[in-house]
C-alpha atoms as a PDB file:
ATOM      1  CA  MET A   1      17.390   0.873  -0.623  1.00  0.00           C
ATOM      2  CA  THR A   2      16.582   3.909  -2.590  1.00  0.00           C
ATOM      3  CA  ALA A   3      15.190   7.089  -0.747  1.00  0.00           C
ATOM      4  CA  VAL A   4      11.838   6.400   0.973  1.00  0.00           C
ATOM      5  CA  GLU A   5       9.442   9.346   0.091  1.00  0.00           C
ATOM      6  CA  ARG A   6       6.158   7.686   0.762  1.00  0.00           C
ATOM      7  CA  VAL A   7       5.154   4.058   1.197  1.00  0.00           C
ATOM      8  CA  TYR A   8       2.023   2.420   0.049  1.00  0.00           C
ATOM      9  CA  LEU A   9       0.694  -0.412   2.502  1.00  0.00           C
ATOM     10  CA  ASP A  10      -0.928  -3.318   0.845  1.00  0.00           C
ATOM     11  CA  THR A  11      -3.772  -5.127   2.541  1.00  0.00           C
ATOM     12  CA  ASN A  12      -1.471  -7.974   3.758  1.00  0.00           C
ATOM     13  CA  VAL A  13       0.534  -5.531   5.784  1.00  0.00           C
ATOM     14  CA  PHE A  14      -2.657  -4.512   7.914  1.00  0.00           C
ATOM     15  CA  ILE A  15      -3.336  -8.052   8.471  1.00  0.00           C
ATOM     16  CA  MET A  16       0.197  -8.657   9.717  1.00  0.00           C
ATOM     17  CA  LEU A  17      -0.174  -5.497  11.793  1.00  0.00           C
ATOM     18  CA  SER A  18      -3.391  -6.812  13.399  1.00  0.00           C
ATOM     19  CA  GLU A  19      -2.480 -10.321  14.119  1.00  0.00           C
ATOM     20  CA  LYS A  20      -1.396 -10.361  17.785  1.00  0.00           C
ATOM     21  CA  ASP A  21       1.081 -13.360  17.121  1.00  0.00           C
ATOM     22  CA  HIS A  22       2.558 -12.362  13.789  1.00  0.00           C
ATOM     23  CA  ARG A  23       6.401 -12.327  14.140  1.00  0.00           C
ATOM     24  CA  LEU A  24       6.632  -8.877  12.278  1.00  0.00           C
ATOM     25  CA  GLN A  25       4.016  -7.231  14.201  1.00  0.00           C
ATOM     26  CA  GLN A  26       6.407  -5.239  16.489  1.00  0.00           C
ATOM     27  CA  LEU A  27       8.532  -4.004  13.645  1.00  0.00           C
ATOM     28  CA  LEU A  28       5.495  -2.941  11.709  1.00  0.00           C
ATOM     29  CA  VAL A  29       4.187  -1.014  14.773  1.00  0.00           C
ATOM     30  CA  GLN A  30       7.738   0.450  15.151  1.00  0.00           C
ATOM     31  CA  MET A  31       7.915   1.471  11.597  1.00  0.00           C
ATOM     32  CA  ILE A  32       4.618   3.342  11.698  1.00  0.00           C
ATOM     33  CA  SER A  33       5.756   5.043  15.039  1.00  0.00           C
ATOM     34  CA  SER A  34       8.879   6.049  13.148  1.00  0.00           C
ATOM     35  CA  GLN A  35       7.231   8.736  11.078  1.00  0.00           C
ATOM     36  CA  PRO A  36       7.641  12.151  12.047  1.00  0.00           C
ATOM     37  CA  SER A  37       4.315  14.015  12.397  1.00  0.00           C
ATOM     38  CA  GLU A  38       3.937  15.645   9.045  1.00  0.00           C
ATOM     39  CA  LYS A  39       1.400  16.038   6.321  1.00  0.00           C
ATOM     40  CA  PRO A  40       0.875  14.248   4.015  1.00  0.00           C
ATOM     41  CA  PRO A  41       1.723  11.061   6.049  1.00  0.00           C
ATOM     42  CA  LYS A  42       4.565   8.979   4.873  1.00  0.00           C
ATOM     43  CA  PHE A  43       2.164   6.040   4.470  1.00  0.00           C
ATOM     44  CA  ALA A  44      -0.711   5.649   2.285  1.00  0.00           C
ATOM     45  CA  THR A  45      -3.405   3.099   1.131  1.00  0.00           C
ATOM     46  CA  SER A  46      -6.668   3.002  -0.768  1.00  0.00           C
ATOM     47  CA  GLU A  47     -10.311   2.311   0.258  1.00  0.00           C
ATOM     48  CA  LEU A  48      -9.865  -1.145  -1.650  1.00  0.00           C
ATOM     49  CA  THR A  49      -7.735  -2.026   1.339  1.00  0.00           C
ATOM     50  CA  LEU A  50     -10.592  -1.802   3.785  1.00  0.00           C
ATOM     51  CA  SER A  51     -12.997  -3.822   1.676  1.00  0.00           C
ATOM     52  CA  GLU A  52     -10.295  -6.593   1.418  1.00  0.00           C
ATOM     53  CA  LEU A  53      -9.745  -6.532   5.081  1.00  0.00           C
ATOM     54  CA  LEU A  54     -13.410  -6.845   6.106  1.00  0.00           C
ATOM     55  CA  VAL A  55     -14.169  -9.953   3.958  1.00  0.00           C
ATOM     56  CA  LYS A  56     -13.070 -12.650   6.669  1.00  0.00           C
ATOM     57  CA  PRO A  57     -14.356 -10.635   9.690  1.00  0.00           C
ATOM     58  CA  TYR A  58     -17.735 -10.286   7.861  1.00  0.00           C
ATOM     59  CA  GLN A  59     -17.723 -14.164   7.156  1.00  0.00           C
ATOM     60  CA  ALA A  60     -17.037 -14.960  10.904  1.00  0.00           C
ATOM     61  CA  GLY A  61     -19.435 -12.231  12.288  1.00  0.00           C
ATOM     62  CA  ASP A  62     -16.408 -10.757  14.046  1.00  0.00           C
ATOM     63  CA  ASP A  63     -17.750  -7.233  14.893  1.00  0.00           C
ATOM     64  CA  THR A  64     -14.706  -6.417  16.953  1.00  0.00           C
ATOM     65  CA  LEU A  65     -12.301  -7.049  14.067  1.00  0.00           C
ATOM     66  CA  ILE A  66     -14.601  -5.224  11.719  1.00  0.00           C
ATOM     67  CA  ASN A  67     -14.566  -2.151  14.088  1.00  0.00           C
ATOM     68  CA  GLY A  68     -10.884  -2.589  14.541  1.00  0.00           C
ATOM     69  CA  TYR A  69     -10.151  -2.432  10.796  1.00  0.00           C
ATOM     70  CA  GLU A  70     -12.471   0.274  10.201  1.00  0.00           C
ATOM     71  CA  SER A  71     -10.879   2.422  12.887  1.00  0.00           C
ATOM     72  CA  LEU A  72      -7.491   1.624  11.839  1.00  0.00           C
ATOM     73  CA  ILE A  73      -8.036   2.532   8.123  1.00  0.00           C
ATOM     74  CA  LEU A  74     -10.361   5.292   8.670  1.00  0.00           C
ATOM     75  CA  ASN A  75      -9.243   7.089  11.718  1.00  0.00           C
ATOM     76  CA  SER A  76      -5.354   6.874  11.788  1.00  0.00           C
ATOM     77  CA  ASP A  77      -3.517  10.262  11.255  1.00  0.00           C
ATOM     78  CA  TRP A  78      -0.274   8.416  10.211  1.00  0.00           C
ATOM     79  CA  LEU A  79      -2.215   6.999   7.070  1.00  0.00           C
ATOM     80  CA  ASP A  80      -3.558   8.732   3.988  1.00  0.00           C
ATOM     81  CA  VAL A  81      -6.436   6.645   2.571  1.00  0.00           C
ATOM     82  CA  ARG A  82      -7.819   7.636  -0.732  1.00  0.00           C
ATOM     83  CA  PRO A  83     -10.862   6.454  -2.797  1.00  0.00           C
ATOM     84  CA  VAL A  84     -10.692   4.245  -5.799  1.00  0.00           C
ATOM     85  CA  ASP A  85     -11.855   6.969  -8.609  1.00  0.00           C
ATOM     86  CA  ARG A  86     -11.884   7.049 -12.290  1.00  0.00           C
ATOM     87  CA  ALA A  87      -8.258   7.993 -12.726  1.00  0.00           C
ATOM     88  CA  VAL A  88      -7.056   5.232 -10.576  1.00  0.00           C
ATOM     89  CA  LEU A  89      -9.079   2.591 -12.615  1.00  0.00           C
ATOM     90  CA  SER A  90      -7.952   4.045 -15.822  1.00  0.00           C
ATOM     91  CA  TYR A  91      -4.396   3.827 -14.826  1.00  0.00           C
ATOM     92  CA  ALA A  92      -4.968   0.232 -13.349  1.00  0.00           C
ATOM     93  CA  ALA A  93      -6.110  -0.753 -16.822  1.00  0.00           C
ATOM     94  CA  ALA A  94      -3.046   0.848 -18.433  1.00  0.00           C
ATOM     95  CA  LEU A  95      -0.960  -1.180 -15.808  1.00  0.00           C
ATOM     96  CA  ARG A  96      -2.630  -4.331 -16.768  1.00  0.00           C
ATOM     97  CA  ALA A  97      -1.972  -3.843 -20.344  1.00  0.00           C
ATOM     98  CA  GLN A  98       1.636  -3.155 -19.626  1.00  0.00           C
ATOM     99  CA  TYR A  99       2.125  -5.869 -16.883  1.00  0.00           C
ATOM    100  CA  ARG A 100       0.081  -8.911 -17.916  1.00  0.00           C
ATOM    101  CA  HIS A 101       0.689 -10.736 -14.666  1.00  0.00           C
ATOM    102  CA  LEU A 102      -1.274  -8.050 -12.550  1.00  0.00           C
ATOM    103  CA  LYS A 103      -4.581  -9.042 -11.309  1.00  0.00           C
ATOM    104  CA  LEU A 104      -7.168  -6.159 -11.310  1.00  0.00           C
ATOM    105  CA  PRO A 105      -7.080  -5.724  -7.506  1.00  0.00           C
ATOM    106  CA  ASP A 106      -3.437  -5.542  -7.505  1.00  0.00           C
ATOM    107  CA  ALA A 107      -3.319  -3.204 -10.484  1.00  0.00           C
ATOM    108  CA  ILE A 108      -5.669  -0.913  -8.591  1.00  0.00           C
ATOM    109  CA  HIS A 109      -3.355  -0.836  -5.504  1.00  0.00           C
ATOM    110  CA  VAL A 110      -0.267  -0.146  -7.742  1.00  0.00           C
ATOM    111  CA  SER A 111      -2.175   2.526  -9.566  1.00  0.00           C
ATOM    112  CA  SER A 112      -3.389   4.064  -6.163  1.00  0.00           C
ATOM    113  CA  ALA A 113       0.382   4.009  -5.097  1.00  0.00           C
ATOM    114  CA  ILE A 114       1.460   5.844  -8.156  1.00  0.00           C
ATOM    115  CA  GLY A 115      -1.478   8.259  -7.847  1.00  0.00           C
ATOM    116  CA  GLN A 116      -0.624   9.078  -4.281  1.00  0.00           C
ATOM    117  CA  ASP A 117       3.138   9.648  -5.083  1.00  0.00           C
ATOM    118  CA  CYS A 118       4.516   6.665  -3.292  1.00  0.00           C
ATOM    119  CA  SER A 119       8.129   5.779  -3.977  1.00  0.00           C
ATOM    120  CA  HIS A 120       7.687   2.401  -2.370  1.00  0.00           C
ATOM    121  CA  PHE A 121       5.001  -0.473  -2.133  1.00  0.00           C
ATOM    122  CA  LEU A 122       5.053  -2.743   0.835  1.00  0.00           C
ATOM    123  CA  SER A 123       3.612  -5.936   0.141  1.00  0.00           C
ATOM    124  CA  ASP A 124       3.925  -9.722   0.885  1.00  0.00           C
ATOM    125  CA  ASP A 125       2.016 -10.622  -2.360  1.00  0.00           C
ATOM    126  CA  HIS A 126       4.350 -12.133  -4.577  1.00  0.00           C
ATOM    127  CA  GLY A 127       1.991 -11.492  -7.643  1.00  0.00           C
ATOM    128  CA  ILE A 128       3.060  -7.976  -7.248  1.00  0.00           C
ATOM    129  CA  LYS A 129       6.789  -7.820  -8.693  1.00  0.00           C
ATOM    130  CA  ASP A 130       9.799  -5.894  -8.062  1.00  0.00           C
ATOM    131  CA  ARG A 131       9.251  -2.357  -9.854  1.00  0.00           C
ATOM    132  CA  TYR A 132       6.521  -0.783 -11.976  1.00  0.00           C
ATOM    133  CA  ASP A 133       6.894   2.192 -14.418  1.00  0.00           C
ATOM    134  CA  LEU A 134       3.550   3.397 -15.578  1.00  0.00           C
ATOM    135  CA  VAL A 135       3.700   4.383 -19.261  1.00  0.00           C
ATOM    136  CA  HIS A 136       0.430   5.550 -20.438  1.00  0.00           C
ATOM    137  CA  ARG A 137      -0.174   6.446 -24.197  1.00  0.00           C
ATOM    138  CA  ARG A 138      -3.170   8.364 -25.194  1.00  0.00           C
ATOM    139  CA  ASN A 139      -4.267  10.892 -27.817  1.00  0.00           C
ATOM    140  CA  GLY A 140      -0.564  10.966 -29.217  1.00  0.00           C
ATOM    141  CA  PHE A 141       0.960  11.867 -25.808  1.00  0.00           C
ATOM    142  CA  THR A 142       3.018   9.558 -23.612  1.00  0.00           C
ATOM    143  CA  ARG A 143       2.793  10.036 -19.863  1.00  0.00           C
ATOM    144  CA  SER A 144       4.878   8.390 -17.427  1.00  0.00           C
ATOM    145  CA  GLY A 145       4.693   8.182 -13.636  1.00  0.00           C
ATOM    146  CA  PRO A 146       7.368   7.736 -11.030  1.00  0.00           C
ATOM    147  CA  THR A 147       9.016   4.301 -10.541  1.00  0.00           C
ATOM    148  CA  LEU A 148       7.458   2.309  -7.743  1.00  0.00           C
ATOM    149  CA  THR A 149       9.634  -0.145  -5.968  1.00  0.00           C
ATOM    150  CA  VAL A 150       8.182  -3.187  -4.214  1.00  0.00           C
ATOM    151  CA  LEU A 151       9.284  -4.139  -0.863  1.00  0.00           C
ATOM    152  CA  ARG A 152       8.647  -7.187   1.083  1.00  0.00           C
ATOM    153  CA  PRO A 153       7.806  -6.931   4.824  1.00  0.00           C
ATOM    154  CA  ASP A 154      10.694  -9.074   6.167  1.00  0.00           C
ATOM    155  CA  GLU A 155      12.952  -8.119   9.220  1.00  0.00           C
ATOM    156  CA  PRO A 156      15.958  -6.649   7.214  1.00  0.00           C
ATOM    157  CA  THR A 157      13.419  -4.669   4.947  1.00  0.00           C
ATOM    158  CA  LEU A 158      11.502  -3.368   7.826  1.00  0.00           C
ATOM    159  CA  THR A 159      14.544  -2.430   9.795  1.00  0.00           C
ATOM    160  CA  SER A 160      15.797  -0.400   6.968  1.00  0.00           C
ATOM    161  CA  LEU A 161      12.608   1.267   6.389  1.00  0.00           C
ATOM    162  CA  ILE A 162      12.479   2.203  10.194  1.00  0.00           C
ATOM    163  CA  GLU A 163      15.976   3.840   9.871  1.00  0.00           C
ATOM    164  CA  SER A 164      15.176   5.457   6.703  1.00  0.00           C
ATOM    165  CA  LEU A 165      11.904   7.033   7.966  1.00  0.00           C
ATOM    166  CA  SER A 166      13.486   7.985  11.165  1.00  0.00           C
ATOM    167  CA  ALA A 167      16.317  10.045   9.496  1.00  0.00           C
END
């Protein structure tokens, strides 16, 4: 695994983290706990994550889960949460032009990760592929962002992340 600078957490990671019987929950908690207390945090996501997380609890009328997700996303000092702004949306469009398989919400997440200087993207969404290089051409200039490596939340990967973040 390449050096882990900062990890973007996709919505499905928070679902795994919140499900009491998910087999990877303990490793995810350990991964988050392995982060040294520093600023900026090693973990990032966007406000889009909160919106995606709240759909099912709203359908079920589950206020406890709504409050839990809001607290997790909005009040965690280990997590950097940023809004979806115009730059994120512009780069999401550039990503979709470059990677035609990306759906708009996924492109927004990938764009957010690149905009937050993440080196890795942790997701169980197989529509999000292995690596992304954002190349943005406009007004005669070519701009490129850092390469974003996609990781899957499985036992070997989470164990490796924990070791890397603890070092």
